[in-house]
Protein backbone atom coordinates (compact mmCIF):
# COMPACT_ATOMS: atom_id res chain seq x y z
CA UNK A 1 -18.58 82.85 86.27
CA UNK A 2 -17.32 80.77 89.15
CA UNK A 3 -14.09 78.75 89.10
CA UNK A 4 -14.33 74.93 89.21
CA UNK A 5 -13.94 73.59 92.72
CA UNK A 6 -10.78 71.68 93.60
CA UNK A 7 -11.11 67.98 92.99
CA UNK A 8 -13.88 68.35 90.42
CA UNK A 9 -13.19 67.52 86.82
CA UNK A 10 -14.60 70.02 84.37
CA UNK A 11 -14.79 67.35 81.68
CA UNK A 12 -17.34 64.58 81.83
CA UNK A 13 -15.73 61.41 83.19
CA UNK A 14 -16.57 58.28 81.24
CA UNK A 15 -16.92 55.13 83.34
CA UNK A 16 -14.83 52.20 82.16
CA UNK A 17 -16.83 49.90 79.93
CA UNK A 18 -18.43 47.02 81.82
CA UNK A 19 -16.42 44.50 79.83
CA UNK A 20 -13.12 46.11 80.89
CA UNK A 21 -14.19 46.12 84.54
CA UNK A 22 -15.16 42.44 84.35
CA UNK A 23 -11.88 41.55 82.65
CA UNK A 24 -9.81 43.45 85.23
CA UNK A 25 -11.71 41.78 88.07
CA UNK A 26 -11.17 38.37 86.46
CA UNK A 27 -7.44 38.96 86.05
CA UNK A 28 -7.04 40.17 89.64
CA UNK A 29 -9.03 37.24 91.04
CA UNK A 30 -7.01 34.72 89.00
CA UNK A 31 -3.75 36.22 90.26
CA UNK A 32 -5.05 36.13 93.84
CA UNK A 33 -5.97 32.44 93.47
CA UNK A 34 -2.53 31.64 92.05
CA UNK A 35 -0.82 33.55 94.87
CA UNK A 36 -2.78 31.46 97.38
CA UNK A 37 -1.81 28.25 95.57
CA UNK A 38 1.82 29.40 95.53
CA UNK A 39 1.69 29.96 99.30
CA UNK A 40 0.15 26.51 99.82
CA UNK A 41 2.87 24.87 97.70
CA UNK A 42 5.62 26.80 99.52
CA UNK A 43 4.19 25.58 102.84
CA UNK A 44 4.12 22.01 101.52
CA UNK A 45 7.78 22.27 100.43
CA UNK A 46 8.71 23.61 103.86
CA UNK A 47 6.96 20.62 105.43
CA UNK A 48 8.94 18.22 103.22
CA UNK A 49 12.23 19.86 104.26
CA UNK A 50 11.15 19.58 107.92
CA UNK A 51 10.37 15.89 107.36
CA UNK A 52 13.79 15.37 105.76
CA UNK A 53 15.48 17.13 108.69
CA UNK A 54 13.52 14.95 111.10
CA UNK A 55 14.83 11.90 109.26
CA UNK A 56 18.40 13.10 109.75
CA UNK A 57 19.08 14.60 106.33
CA UNK A 58 21.03 17.85 105.90
CA UNK A 59 18.51 20.38 104.57
CA UNK A 60 21.19 22.76 103.33
CA UNK A 61 22.69 19.96 101.20
CA UNK A 62 19.25 19.05 99.86
CA UNK A 63 18.58 22.68 98.88
CA UNK A 64 21.94 22.79 97.09
CA UNK A 65 21.16 19.59 95.20
CA UNK A 66 17.73 20.96 94.17
CA UNK A 67 19.39 24.17 92.92
CA UNK A 68 22.08 22.24 91.02
CA UNK A 69 19.56 19.91 89.37
CA UNK A 70 17.79 22.96 87.90
CA UNK A 71 20.96 23.90 86.00
CA UNK A 72 21.89 22.24 82.75
CA UNK A 73 24.93 19.96 82.83
CA UNK A 74 27.31 22.41 81.11
CA UNK A 75 26.32 25.30 83.35
CA UNK A 76 26.72 23.12 86.44
CA UNK A 77 30.13 21.85 85.30
CA UNK A 78 31.34 25.40 84.64
CA UNK A 79 30.22 26.56 88.10
CA UNK A 80 31.90 23.56 89.75
CA UNK A 81 35.15 24.22 87.85
CA UNK A 82 35.18 27.87 88.92
CA UNK A 83 34.45 26.94 92.53
CA UNK A 84 37.23 24.33 92.52
CA UNK A 85 39.67 26.85 90.99
CA UNK A 86 38.86 29.42 93.68
CA UNK A 87 39.11 26.87 96.49
CA UNK A 88 42.46 25.68 95.15
CA UNK A 89 43.72 29.30 94.98
CA UNK A 90 42.74 29.74 98.64
CA UNK A 91 44.45 26.53 99.72
CA UNK A 92 41.18 24.86 100.61
CA UNK A 93 41.87 21.82 98.42
């Protein structure tokens, strides 16, 4: 009897059911479309920041405001209090 050759499976390989293949393909294609939309939106946001900069606005300040507005009021207040405490300790205020 000869030994099985390297890379050959001695058991019969079952192909994935057609439904599973179609579902995987659908999931991958949906993710790819969303990634493309995400890139398009990121480019649009970058354009808006460039427009703001061209109008004389400070982009760094705008980014900070956007970040702060995402926080809830209590979280934002706590972060501001900590920052103020640290700045005071360093003699910055």
